[in-house]
């Protein structure tokens, strides 16, 4: 099982980016998926997650109303649309596959992790 995140880059405050996470292997359609991020010098934190059928999205308070998670099970791809970006959103963003269909904000439930993609928001 491999998860490949892409779409990161440098953007100005207020800008938008769309991250993608391509999954290979058997795991994806039956599993909840999530995005986490880790800023320099900080611990990894939960961003958002979505159920196996694309429902029940949950968001960290810091990104509610700005970020939208979605998935395309036919393409084995997870997405994260990030709007109104702020400098505090700067981090490496990781996609992860949960062991179960129900989304969770807790990292220990995720059995597979991608390599991360860097998002830098300039002020």
N, C-alpha and C. Protein backbone atom coordinates (compact mmCIF):
# COMPACT_ATOMS: atom_id res chain seq x y z
N UNK A 1 0.84 -1.18 0.00
CA UNK A 1 0.00 0.00 0.00
C UNK A 1 0.88 1.24 0.00
N UNK A 2 0.58 2.14 -0.92
CA UNK A 2 1.33 3.38 -0.97
C UNK A 2 0.37 4.56 -1.08
N UNK A 3 0.73 5.64 -0.41
CA UNK A 3 -0.02 6.88 -0.49
C UNK A 3 0.95 7.96 -0.97
N UNK A 4 0.56 8.63 -2.04
CA UNK A 4 1.44 9.64 -2.64
C UNK A 4 0.72 10.98 -2.64
N UNK A 5 1.19 11.87 -1.79
CA UNK A 5 0.59 13.21 -1.71
C UNK A 5 1.30 14.15 -2.68
N UNK A 6 0.55 15.06 -3.25
CA UNK A 6 1.11 16.05 -4.17
C UNK A 6 0.27 17.31 -4.14
N UNK A 7 0.78 18.36 -4.78
CA UNK A 7 0.02 19.59 -4.90
C UNK A 7 0.49 20.72 -4.01
N UNK A 8 1.45 20.45 -3.16
CA UNK A 8 1.96 21.51 -2.30
C UNK A 8 2.74 22.55 -3.08
N UNK A 9 3.05 23.65 -2.42
CA UNK A 9 3.81 24.69 -3.07
C UNK A 9 3.81 25.96 -2.26
N UNK A 10 4.24 27.03 -2.90
CA UNK A 10 4.30 28.34 -2.26
C UNK A 10 3.12 29.18 -2.74
N UNK A 11 2.41 29.76 -1.79
CA UNK A 11 1.24 30.58 -2.11
C UNK A 11 1.20 31.76 -1.16
N UNK A 12 0.62 32.85 -1.62
CA UNK A 12 0.49 34.03 -0.78
C UNK A 12 -0.71 33.91 0.16
N UNK A 13 -0.68 34.66 1.22
CA UNK A 13 -1.80 34.71 2.14
C UNK A 13 -3.09 35.02 1.39
N UNK A 14 -4.12 34.25 1.69
CA UNK A 14 -5.40 34.42 1.02
C UNK A 14 -5.56 33.55 -0.21
N UNK A 15 -4.49 32.92 -0.63
CA UNK A 15 -4.54 32.09 -1.83
C UNK A 15 -5.11 30.71 -1.57
N UNK A 16 -5.09 29.89 -2.62
CA UNK A 16 -5.66 28.55 -2.55
C UNK A 16 -4.69 27.52 -3.11
N UNK A 17 -4.82 26.32 -2.61
CA UNK A 17 -4.11 25.17 -3.13
C UNK A 17 -5.01 23.96 -3.04
N UNK A 18 -4.77 23.01 -3.92
CA UNK A 18 -5.49 21.74 -3.86
C UNK A 18 -4.48 20.61 -3.77
N UNK A 19 -4.54 19.88 -2.69
CA UNK A 19 -3.68 18.73 -2.51
C UNK A 19 -4.39 17.48 -2.99
N UNK A 20 -3.61 16.54 -3.49
CA UNK A 20 -4.13 15.25 -3.89
C UNK A 20 -3.33 14.16 -3.20
N UNK A 21 -3.97 13.03 -3.02
CA UNK A 21 -3.31 11.87 -2.44
C UNK A 21 -3.76 10.64 -3.22
N UNK A 22 -2.85 10.08 -3.97
CA UNK A 22 -3.16 8.90 -4.77
C UNK A 22 -2.80 7.65 -3.98
N UNK A 23 -3.73 6.73 -3.93
CA UNK A 23 -3.53 5.50 -3.17
C UNK A 23 -3.38 4.31 -4.11
N UNK A 24 -2.46 3.47 -3.81
CA UNK A 24 -2.30 2.24 -4.56
C UNK A 24 -2.48 1.07 -3.61
N UNK A 25 -2.79 -0.05 -4.15
CA UNK A 25 -3.02 -1.20 -3.29
C UNK A 25 -4.50 -1.35 -2.95
N UNK A 26 -4.78 -2.29 -2.13
CA UNK A 26 -6.17 -2.62 -1.84
C UNK A 26 -6.86 -1.61 -0.94
N UNK A 27 -6.09 -0.97 -0.09
CA UNK A 27 -6.70 -0.09 0.88
C UNK A 27 -7.08 1.22 0.24
N UNK A 28 -8.24 1.66 0.38
CA UNK A 28 -8.72 2.99 0.06
C UNK A 28 -10.24 3.03 0.13
N UNK A 29 -10.90 2.28 -0.74
CA UNK A 29 -12.35 2.41 -0.85
C UNK A 29 -13.08 2.06 0.43
N UNK A 30 -12.53 1.17 1.23
CA UNK A 30 -13.22 0.72 2.44
C UNK A 30 -12.72 1.41 3.70
N UNK A 31 -11.87 2.40 3.54
CA UNK A 31 -11.23 3.02 4.69
C UNK A 31 -11.46 4.52 4.72
N UNK A 32 -11.62 5.01 5.94
CA UNK A 32 -11.62 6.46 6.10
C UNK A 32 -10.23 6.99 5.76
N UNK A 33 -10.19 8.23 5.31
CA UNK A 33 -8.93 8.87 4.95
C UNK A 33 -8.81 10.21 5.67
N UNK A 34 -7.60 10.62 5.91
CA UNK A 34 -7.41 11.88 6.62
C UNK A 34 -6.20 12.65 6.14
N UNK A 35 -6.18 13.91 6.51
CA UNK A 35 -5.02 14.77 6.30
C UNK A 35 -4.53 15.27 7.65
N UNK A 36 -3.23 15.21 7.81
CA UNK A 36 -2.57 15.75 8.98
C UNK A 36 -1.50 16.72 8.49
N UNK A 37 -0.97 17.53 9.38
CA UNK A 37 0.11 18.43 8.99
C UNK A 37 1.08 18.59 10.15
N UNK A 38 2.30 18.95 9.78
CA UNK A 38 3.33 19.18 10.78
C UNK A 38 4.13 20.41 10.38
N UNK A 39 4.02 21.43 11.21
CA UNK A 39 4.76 22.66 10.99
C UNK A 39 6.16 22.53 11.59
N UNK A 40 7.10 23.31 11.11
CA UNK A 40 8.47 23.24 11.65
C UNK A 40 8.50 23.44 13.16
N UNK A 41 9.13 22.51 13.84
CA UNK A 41 9.27 22.63 15.28
C UNK A 41 8.03 22.28 16.08
N UNK A 42 7.00 21.80 15.39
CA UNK A 42 5.75 21.46 16.09
C UNK A 42 5.39 20.00 15.87
N UNK A 43 4.47 19.54 16.68
CA UNK A 43 4.00 18.17 16.54
C UNK A 43 2.99 18.08 15.41
N UNK A 44 2.87 16.89 14.91
CA UNK A 44 1.87 16.63 13.87
C UNK A 44 0.47 16.89 14.43
N UNK A 45 -0.39 17.49 13.62
CA UNK A 45 -1.74 17.76 14.08
C UNK A 45 -2.76 17.34 13.02
N UNK A 46 -3.92 17.01 13.50
CA UNK A 46 -5.03 16.62 12.64
C UNK A 46 -5.56 17.82 11.89
N UNK A 47 -5.90 17.60 10.62
CA UNK A 47 -6.50 18.66 9.81
C UNK A 47 -7.95 18.31 9.47
N UNK A 48 -8.15 17.16 8.83
CA UNK A 48 -9.49 16.77 8.41
C UNK A 48 -9.51 15.30 8.05
N UNK A 49 -10.70 14.71 8.06
CA UNK A 49 -10.84 13.31 7.68
C UNK A 49 -12.22 13.09 7.08
N UNK A 50 -12.34 12.00 6.33
CA UNK A 50 -13.59 11.71 5.63
C UNK A 50 -13.87 10.22 5.66
N UNK A 51 -15.14 9.86 5.72
CA UNK A 51 -15.52 8.46 5.76
C UNK A 51 -15.30 7.75 4.45
N UNK A 52 -15.45 6.43 4.47
CA UNK A 52 -15.11 5.60 3.32
C UNK A 52 -16.00 5.86 2.12
N UNK A 53 -17.21 6.33 2.33
CA UNK A 53 -18.09 6.64 1.20
C UNK A 53 -18.09 8.12 0.86
N UNK A 54 -17.26 8.88 1.52
CA UNK A 54 -17.21 10.30 1.23
C UNK A 54 -18.06 11.15 2.16
N UNK A 55 -18.67 10.52 3.15
CA UNK A 55 -19.49 11.27 4.07
C UNK A 55 -18.79 11.51 5.40
N UNK A 56 -19.53 12.17 6.30
CA UNK A 56 -19.06 12.39 7.67
C UNK A 56 -17.71 13.10 7.78
N UNK A 57 -17.47 14.13 6.99
CA UNK A 57 -16.19 14.83 7.13
C UNK A 57 -16.09 15.53 8.49
N UNK A 58 -14.90 15.52 9.03
CA UNK A 58 -14.62 16.25 10.26
C UNK A 58 -13.42 17.14 10.02
N UNK A 59 -13.40 18.27 10.71
CA UNK A 59 -12.36 19.27 10.50
C UNK A 59 -11.82 19.78 11.83
N UNK A 60 -10.57 20.13 11.83
CA UNK A 60 -10.00 20.86 12.95
C UNK A 60 -10.61 22.26 12.96
N UNK A 61 -10.79 22.81 14.13
CA UNK A 61 -11.39 24.14 14.23
C UNK A 61 -10.61 25.18 13.43
N UNK A 62 -9.32 25.00 13.35
CA UNK A 62 -8.46 25.99 12.71
C UNK A 62 -8.66 26.07 11.20
N UNK A 63 -9.29 25.04 10.61
CA UNK A 63 -9.46 25.04 9.15
C UNK A 63 -10.93 25.02 8.72
N UNK A 64 -11.84 24.93 9.65
CA UNK A 64 -13.26 24.91 9.32
C UNK A 64 -13.65 26.14 8.51
N UNK A 65 -14.40 25.87 7.45
CA UNK A 65 -14.85 26.97 6.61
C UNK A 65 -13.85 27.39 5.55
N UNK A 66 -12.63 26.89 5.64
CA UNK A 66 -11.59 27.24 4.67
C UNK A 66 -11.13 26.02 3.87
N UNK A 67 -11.08 24.87 4.50
CA UNK A 67 -10.60 23.66 3.86
C UNK A 67 -11.78 22.72 3.59
N UNK A 68 -11.68 21.96 2.49
CA UNK A 68 -12.69 20.97 2.16
C UNK A 68 -12.02 19.68 1.73
N UNK A 69 -12.39 18.61 2.39
CA UNK A 69 -11.86 17.29 2.04
C UNK A 69 -12.87 16.57 1.14
N UNK A 70 -12.35 15.82 0.20
CA UNK A 70 -13.22 15.02 -0.66
C UNK A 70 -12.42 13.82 -1.15
N UNK A 71 -13.13 12.87 -1.75
CA UNK A 71 -12.45 11.69 -2.26
C UNK A 71 -13.17 11.19 -3.50
N UNK A 72 -12.43 10.51 -4.34
CA UNK A 72 -12.97 9.87 -5.53
C UNK A 72 -12.54 8.42 -5.46
N UNK A 73 -13.43 7.56 -5.02
CA UNK A 73 -13.06 6.15 -4.84
C UNK A 73 -12.78 5.45 -6.17
N UNK A 74 -13.38 5.93 -7.23
CA UNK A 74 -13.13 5.33 -8.54
C UNK A 74 -11.69 5.58 -8.99
N UNK A 75 -11.14 6.69 -8.51
CA UNK A 75 -9.77 7.06 -8.88
C UNK A 75 -8.77 6.79 -7.75
N UNK A 76 -9.27 6.25 -6.63
CA UNK A 76 -8.39 6.01 -5.47
C UNK A 76 -7.63 7.26 -5.07
N UNK A 77 -8.33 8.38 -5.05
CA UNK A 77 -7.67 9.65 -4.78
C UNK A 77 -8.42 10.45 -3.73
N UNK A 78 -7.67 11.02 -2.85
CA UNK A 78 -8.16 11.89 -1.79
C UNK A 78 -7.72 13.32 -2.13
N UNK A 79 -8.58 14.27 -1.80
CA UNK A 79 -8.27 15.67 -2.10
C UNK A 79 -8.41 16.55 -0.86
N UNK A 80 -7.70 17.66 -0.90
CA UNK A 80 -7.87 18.68 0.13
C UNK A 80 -7.82 20.03 -0.56
N UNK A 81 -8.97 20.68 -0.63
CA UNK A 81 -9.05 22.02 -1.19
C UNK A 81 -8.83 23.01 -0.05
N UNK A 82 -7.80 23.84 -0.20
CA UNK A 82 -7.46 24.78 0.86
C UNK A 82 -7.63 26.20 0.32
N UNK A 83 -8.53 26.94 0.92
CA UNK A 83 -8.79 28.31 0.53
C UNK A 83 -8.45 29.25 1.67
N UNK A 84 -8.34 30.53 1.34
CA UNK A 84 -8.05 31.56 2.35
C UNK A 84 -6.87 31.16 3.23
N UNK A 85 -5.81 30.74 2.58
CA UNK A 85 -4.66 30.24 3.33
C UNK A 85 -3.99 31.33 4.15
N UNK A 86 -3.47 30.91 5.28
CA UNK A 86 -2.81 31.80 6.23
C UNK A 86 -1.37 31.33 6.45
N UNK A 87 -0.49 32.20 6.90
CA UNK A 87 0.89 31.77 7.18
C UNK A 87 0.94 30.62 8.18
N UNK A 88 0.01 30.57 9.10
CA UNK A 88 0.01 29.48 10.09
C UNK A 88 -0.41 28.15 9.50
N UNK A 89 -0.82 28.13 8.24
CA UNK A 89 -1.12 26.87 7.56
C UNK A 89 0.15 26.25 6.98
N UNK A 90 1.25 26.97 7.04
CA UNK A 90 2.51 26.44 6.52
C UNK A 90 2.91 25.18 7.27
N UNK A 91 3.12 24.11 6.52
CA UNK A 91 3.43 22.81 7.12
C UNK A 91 3.64 21.79 6.02
N UNK A 92 4.15 20.65 6.43
CA UNK A 92 4.13 19.47 5.55
C UNK A 92 2.81 18.77 5.80
N UNK A 93 2.09 18.51 4.73
CA UNK A 93 0.78 17.88 4.82
C UNK A 93 0.89 16.41 4.43
N UNK A 94 0.33 15.56 5.29
CA UNK A 94 0.37 14.12 5.09
C UNK A 94 -1.04 13.58 4.91
N UNK A 95 -1.19 12.66 3.97
CA UNK A 95 -2.45 11.93 3.88
C UNK A 95 -2.25 10.58 4.57
N UNK A 96 -3.35 10.05 5.06
CA UNK A 96 -3.27 8.79 5.79
C UNK A 96 -4.55 8.00 5.61
N UNK A 97 -4.42 6.69 5.64
CA UNK A 97 -5.55 5.79 5.52
C UNK A 97 -5.84 5.17 6.88
N UNK A 98 -7.08 5.29 7.30
CA UNK A 98 -7.47 4.75 8.60
C UNK A 98 -7.70 3.25 8.50
N UNK A 99 -7.63 2.59 9.65
CA UNK A 99 -7.86 1.15 9.66
C UNK A 99 -9.33 0.80 9.49
N UNK A 100 -10.22 1.76 9.75
CA UNK A 100 -11.66 1.50 9.70
C UNK A 100 -12.36 2.52 8.81
N UNK A 101 -13.65 2.27 8.49
CA UNK A 101 -14.37 3.16 7.58
C UNK A 101 -14.73 4.52 8.17
N UNK A 102 -14.77 4.59 9.51
CA UNK A 102 -15.23 5.82 10.16
C UNK A 102 -14.06 6.78 10.38
N UNK A 103 -14.21 8.04 10.00
CA UNK A 103 -13.10 8.99 10.16
C UNK A 103 -12.81 9.31 11.61
N UNK A 104 -11.58 9.66 11.87
CA UNK A 104 -11.14 9.96 13.23
C UNK A 104 -10.09 11.05 13.20
N UNK A 105 -10.02 11.81 14.27
CA UNK A 105 -9.00 12.85 14.38
C UNK A 105 -7.74 12.34 15.07
N UNK A 106 -7.76 11.10 15.49
CA UNK A 106 -6.64 10.54 16.24
C UNK A 106 -5.69 9.78 15.32
N UNK A 107 -4.45 10.19 15.33
CA UNK A 107 -3.48 9.63 14.42
C UNK A 107 -3.21 8.15 14.60
N UNK A 108 -3.39 7.64 15.82
CA UNK A 108 -3.04 6.24 16.06
C UNK A 108 -3.96 5.28 15.31
N UNK A 109 -5.09 5.76 14.82
CA UNK A 109 -6.01 4.89 14.08
C UNK A 109 -5.64 4.72 12.61
N UNK A 110 -4.66 5.48 12.18
CA UNK A 110 -4.29 5.45 10.77
C UNK A 110 -3.09 4.52 10.58
N UNK A 111 -3.29 3.53 9.72
CA UNK A 111 -2.25 2.52 9.55
C UNK A 111 -1.28 2.79 8.42
N UNK A 112 -1.65 3.70 7.51
CA UNK A 112 -0.81 3.96 6.36
C UNK A 112 -0.68 5.48 6.18
N UNK A 113 0.54 5.89 5.88
CA UNK A 113 0.84 7.32 5.75
C UNK A 113 1.60 7.59 4.46
N UNK A 114 1.29 8.72 3.85
CA UNK A 114 2.03 9.17 2.69
C UNK A 114 3.29 9.90 3.11
N UNK A 115 4.06 10.34 2.14
CA UNK A 115 5.36 10.94 2.44
C UNK A 115 5.27 12.43 2.74
N UNK A 116 4.16 13.06 2.45
CA UNK A 116 3.99 14.47 2.77
C UNK A 116 4.30 15.39 1.62
N UNK A 117 3.62 16.52 1.59
CA UNK A 117 3.87 17.55 0.60
C UNK A 117 3.90 18.90 1.32
N UNK A 118 4.87 19.72 0.98
CA UNK A 118 5.09 20.97 1.70
C UNK A 118 4.21 22.09 1.16
N UNK A 119 3.53 22.74 2.08
CA UNK A 119 2.73 23.93 1.77
C UNK A 119 3.35 25.11 2.51
N UNK A 120 3.68 26.14 1.77
CA UNK A 120 4.26 27.34 2.36
C UNK A 120 3.39 28.53 2.00
N UNK A 121 2.92 29.23 3.03
CA UNK A 121 2.08 30.39 2.82
C UNK A 121 2.86 31.63 3.24
N UNK A 122 3.11 32.50 2.29
CA UNK A 122 3.88 33.71 2.59
C UNK A 122 2.97 34.84 3.01
N UNK A 123 3.47 35.67 3.92
CA UNK A 123 2.67 36.78 4.43
C UNK A 123 2.86 38.03 3.59
